[in-house]
C-alpha atoms as a PDB file:
ATOM      1  CA  MET A   1     201.352 184.034 107.505  1.00  0.00           C
ATOM      2  CA  GLY A   2     197.566 184.043 108.336  1.00  0.00           C
ATOM      3  CA  ARG A   3     197.019 180.568 106.104  1.00  0.00           C
ATOM      4  CA  ILE A   4     199.628 179.021 108.476  1.00  0.00           C
ATOM      5  CA  GLU A   5     197.840 180.097 111.745  1.00  0.00           C
ATOM      6  CA  GLN A   6     194.502 178.906 110.649  1.00  0.00           C
ATOM      7  CA  ALA A   7     196.206 175.623 109.628  1.00  0.00           C
ATOM      8  CA  LEU A   8     198.023 175.374 113.126  1.00  0.00           C
ATOM      9  CA  LEU A   9     194.319 176.151 114.115  1.00  0.00           C
ATOM     10  CA  SER A  10     195.099 179.520 115.701  1.00  0.00           C
ATOM     11  CA  LEU A  11     191.873 181.505 114.065  1.00  0.00           C
ATOM     12  CA  ASP A  12     192.263 184.453 116.138  1.00  0.00           C
ATOM     13  CA  ALA A  13     195.686 184.950 115.186  1.00  0.00           C
ATOM     14  CA  ALA A  14     194.878 184.144 111.446  1.00  0.00           C
ATOM     15  CA  LEU A  15     192.282 186.444 111.198  1.00  0.00           C
ATOM     16  CA  SER A  16     194.151 189.445 112.954  1.00  0.00           C
ATOM     17  CA  LEU A  17     196.828 189.119 110.327  1.00  0.00           C
ATOM     18  CA  PHE A  18     194.109 188.567 107.390  1.00  0.00           C
ATOM     19  CA  ASP A  19     192.803 191.884 108.453  1.00  0.00           C
ATOM     20  CA  ARG A  20     196.278 193.755 108.491  1.00  0.00           C
ATOM     21  CA  SER A  21     196.855 192.080 105.314  1.00  0.00           C
ATOM     22  CA  ILE A  22     193.466 193.798 103.937  1.00  0.00           C
ATOM     23  CA  THR A  23     194.422 197.187 105.801  1.00  0.00           C
ATOM     24  CA  VAL A  24     197.796 197.218 104.155  1.00  0.00           C
ATOM     25  CA  ALA A  25     196.487 196.440 100.989  1.00  0.00           C
ATOM     26  CA  ASP A  26     194.006 198.719 101.045  1.00  0.00           C
ATOM     27  CA  GLU A  27     196.348 201.382 102.266  1.00  0.00           C
ATOM     28  CA  HIS A  28     198.639 200.937  99.186  1.00  0.00           C
ATOM     29  CA  GLY A  29     196.333 200.410  96.697  1.00  0.00           C
ATOM     30  CA  ILE A  30     197.292 196.717  96.164  1.00  0.00           C
ATOM     31  CA  ARG A  31     193.950 195.491  95.362  1.00  0.00           C
ATOM     32  CA  ASP A  32     194.894 191.833  94.072  1.00  0.00           C
ATOM     33  CA  VAL A  33     196.167 191.205  97.252  1.00  0.00           C
ATOM     34  CA  GLN A  34     193.474 192.712  99.581  1.00  0.00           C
ATOM     35  CA  LEU A  35     191.068 190.674  97.534  1.00  0.00           C
ATOM     36  CA  ASP A  36     193.180 187.389  98.193  1.00  0.00           C
ATOM     37  CA  ALA A  37     193.308 188.327 101.828  1.00  0.00           C
ATOM     38  CA  LEU A  38     189.582 188.971 102.084  1.00  0.00           C
ATOM     39  CA  ALA A  39     189.579 185.263 100.506  1.00  0.00           C
ATOM     40  CA  ALA A  40     191.565 183.785 103.034  1.00  0.00           C
ATOM     41  CA  LYS A  41     189.568 185.312 105.737  1.00  0.00           C
ATOM     42  CA  ALA A  42     186.242 184.345 104.185  1.00  0.00           C
ATOM     43  CA  ASP A  43     187.561 180.888 103.975  1.00  0.00           C
ATOM     44  CA  ALA A  44     188.669 180.771 107.764  1.00  0.00           C
ATOM     45  CA  LEU A  45     185.249 182.214 108.769  1.00  0.00           C
ATOM     46  CA  SER A  46     183.454 179.869 106.618  1.00  0.00           C
ATOM     47  CA  ALA A  47     185.532 176.505 108.034  1.00  0.00           C
ATOM     48  CA  VAL A  48     184.114 177.345 111.633  1.00  0.00           C
ATOM     49  CA  GLY A  49     180.896 178.217 110.754  1.00  0.00           C
ATOM     50  CA  ARG A  50     180.779 182.002 111.067  1.00  0.00           C
ATOM     51  CA  GLN A  51     178.508 182.332 108.135  1.00  0.00           C
ATOM     52  CA  ASP A  52     177.413 185.783 108.424  1.00  0.00           C
ATOM     53  CA  GLU A  53     181.008 186.858 109.339  1.00  0.00           C
ATOM     54  CA  MET A  54     181.722 184.925 105.822  1.00  0.00           C
ATOM     55  CA  LEU A  55     178.701 186.534 103.644  1.00  0.00           C
ATOM     56  CA  ALA A  56     179.913 190.217 105.059  1.00  0.00           C
ATOM     57  CA  THR A  57     183.498 189.174 104.011  1.00  0.00           C
ATOM     58  CA  LEU A  58     182.410 188.364 100.450  1.00  0.00           C
ATOM     59  CA  ALA A  59     180.331 191.162 100.028  1.00  0.00           C
ATOM     60  CA  ILE A  60     183.435 193.281 100.610  1.00  0.00           C
ATOM     61  CA  GLY A  61     185.344 191.591  98.148  1.00  0.00           C
ATOM     62  CA  ARG A  62     182.467 192.092  95.640  1.00  0.00           C
ATOM     63  CA  VAL A  63     182.372 195.761  96.128  1.00  0.00           C
ATOM     64  CA  VAL A  64     186.395 195.800  95.763  1.00  0.00           C
ATOM     65  CA  MET A  65     185.961 193.954  92.479  1.00  0.00           C
ATOM     66  CA  ARG A  66     183.504 196.402  91.504  1.00  0.00           C
ATOM     67  CA  THR A  67     185.155 199.311  92.315  1.00  0.00           C
ATOM     68  CA  HIS A  68     188.724 198.961  91.529  1.00  0.00           C
ATOM     69  CA  ARG A  69     189.033 197.753  87.667  1.00  0.00           C
ATOM     70  CA  THR A  70     192.853 197.441  88.139  1.00  0.00           C
ATOM     71  CA  ILE A  71     192.302 193.742  89.507  1.00  0.00           C
ATOM     72  CA  ALA A  72     193.636 191.297  87.500  1.00  0.00           C
ATOM     73  CA  PRO A  73     190.993 188.835  85.745  1.00  0.00           C
ATOM     74  CA  ARG A  74     192.936 185.795  87.263  1.00  0.00           C
ATOM     75  CA  SER A  75     192.291 187.191  90.866  1.00  0.00           C
ATOM     76  CA  GLN A  76     188.757 188.016  90.355  1.00  0.00           C
ATOM     77  CA  SER A  77     188.216 184.717  88.821  1.00  0.00           C
ATOM     78  CA  ALA A  78     189.729 183.017  91.863  1.00  0.00           C
ATOM     79  CA  PHE A  79     187.824 184.771  94.077  1.00  0.00           C
ATOM     80  CA  ARG A  80     184.626 184.283  92.671  1.00  0.00           C
ATOM     81  CA  GLU A  81     185.682 180.408  92.204  1.00  0.00           C
ATOM     82  CA  MET A  82     185.882 179.982  95.981  1.00  0.00           C
ATOM     83  CA  GLU A  83     182.651 182.604  96.396  1.00  0.00           C
ATOM     84  CA  VAL A  84     180.675 179.551  94.467  1.00  0.00           C
ATOM     85  CA  ARG A  85     181.544 177.122  97.079  1.00  0.00           C
ATOM     86  CA  TRP A  86     181.416 179.419 100.351  1.00  0.00           C
ATOM     87  CA  LEU A  87     177.629 180.763  99.366  1.00  0.00           C
ATOM     88  CA  ALA A  88     176.612 177.153  98.582  1.00  0.00           C
ATOM     89  CA  LYS A  89     178.333 175.719 101.992  1.00  0.00           C
ATOM     90  CA  ALA A  90     176.150 178.745 103.473  1.00  0.00           C
ATOM     91  CA  GLY A  91     173.098 177.143 102.076  1.00  0.00           C
ATOM     92  CA  GLN A  92     172.730 180.290  99.866  1.00  0.00           C
ATOM     93  CA  TYR A  93     172.132 178.408  96.639  1.00  0.00           C
ATOM     94  CA  LYS A  94     170.274 181.034  94.768  1.00  0.00           C
ATOM     95  CA  GLU A  95     173.684 183.345  95.276  1.00  0.00           C
ATOM     96  CA  ALA A  96     175.991 180.514  94.590  1.00  0.00           C
ATOM     97  CA  LEU A  97     174.491 179.536  91.318  1.00  0.00           C
ATOM     98  CA  ALA A  98     174.404 183.764  90.396  1.00  0.00           C
ATOM     99  CA  ALA A  99     178.085 183.684  91.209  1.00  0.00           C
ATOM    100  CA  ALA A 100     178.831 180.391  89.580  1.00  0.00           C
ATOM    101  CA  ARG A 101     177.501 181.702  86.179  1.00  0.00           C
ATOM    102  CA  GLU A 102     179.553 185.025  86.648  1.00  0.00           C
ATOM    103  CA  TRP A 103     182.921 183.117  87.486  1.00  0.00           C
ATOM    104  CA  ARG A 104     181.999 180.561  84.067  1.00  0.00           C
ATOM    105  CA  ALA A 105     181.625 183.829  82.298  1.00  0.00           C
ATOM    106  CA  GLN A 106     185.203 185.151  83.201  1.00  0.00           C
ATOM    107  CA  GLU A 107     186.750 181.765  82.883  1.00  0.00           C
ATOM    108  CA  ARG A 108     185.789 181.418  79.456  1.00  0.00           C
ATOM    109  CA  SER A 109     186.593 184.694  78.828  1.00  0.00           C
ATOM    110  CA  LEU A 110     190.335 184.215  80.255  1.00  0.00           C
ATOM    111  CA  ARG A 111     190.495 180.927  78.134  1.00  0.00           C
ATOM    112  CA  SER A 112     189.487 182.950  74.777  1.00  0.00           C
ATOM    113  CA  SER A 113     192.258 185.463  75.875  1.00  0.00           C
ATOM    114  CA  SER A 114     194.940 182.935  76.184  1.00  0.00           C
ATOM    115  CA  ALA A 115     193.772 180.929  72.858  1.00  0.00           C
ATOM    116  CA  ARG A 116     194.504 184.167  71.178  1.00  0.00           C
ATOM    117  CA  THR A 117     197.647 184.832  72.935  1.00  0.00           C
ATOM    118  CA  ALA A 118     199.020 181.496  72.115  1.00  0.00           C
ATOM    119  CA  GLN A 119     198.175 181.812  68.230  1.00  0.00           C
ATOM    120  CA  ARG A 120     200.012 185.171  68.247  1.00  0.00           C
ATOM    121  CA  ILE A 121     202.820 183.879  69.635  1.00  0.00           C
ATOM    122  CA  LEU A 122     202.803 180.641  67.198  1.00  0.00           C
ATOM    123  CA  GLN A 123     202.569 183.320  64.392  1.00  0.00           C
ATOM    124  CA  GLU A 124     205.135 185.284  65.423  1.00  0.00           C
ATOM    125  CA  LEU A 125     207.101 181.667  65.669  1.00  0.00           C
ATOM    126  CA  HIS A 126     206.112 180.663  62.540  1.00  0.00           C
ATOM    127  CA  GLU A 127     207.024 183.987  60.883  1.00  0.00           C
ATOM    128  CA  THR A 128     210.586 184.333  62.445  1.00  0.00           C
ATOM    129  CA  ASN A 129     211.790 180.904  61.278  1.00  0.00           C
ATOM    130  CA  ARG A 130     211.124 181.306  57.656  1.00  0.00           C
END
């Protein structure tokens, strides 16, 4: 709903909904949702030039990822991908490059894992079709 409010240019309503999502997800330990809501909030703040608040929100997202290792790698990768763009947009080029390196390394790992899974599935299919 926050993204809808953001699209309707109701920034205050959007931020309120993002904050509520962050709080509820935190209270219930749903870290993937919490990270997604933090990303959405950072995006909304970035879009209106509130760079300091956006950077603070990104920092919270990094702490959540570092503290809670149960967050799905795909969710972390999505956060990092957007973080690269926001940092560059804010003129934080050194930080954007460091975030890009982390994002690329994680993406390589995810692709390798996906390829191994696909190979195992194909092997199992081949073995069952004999």
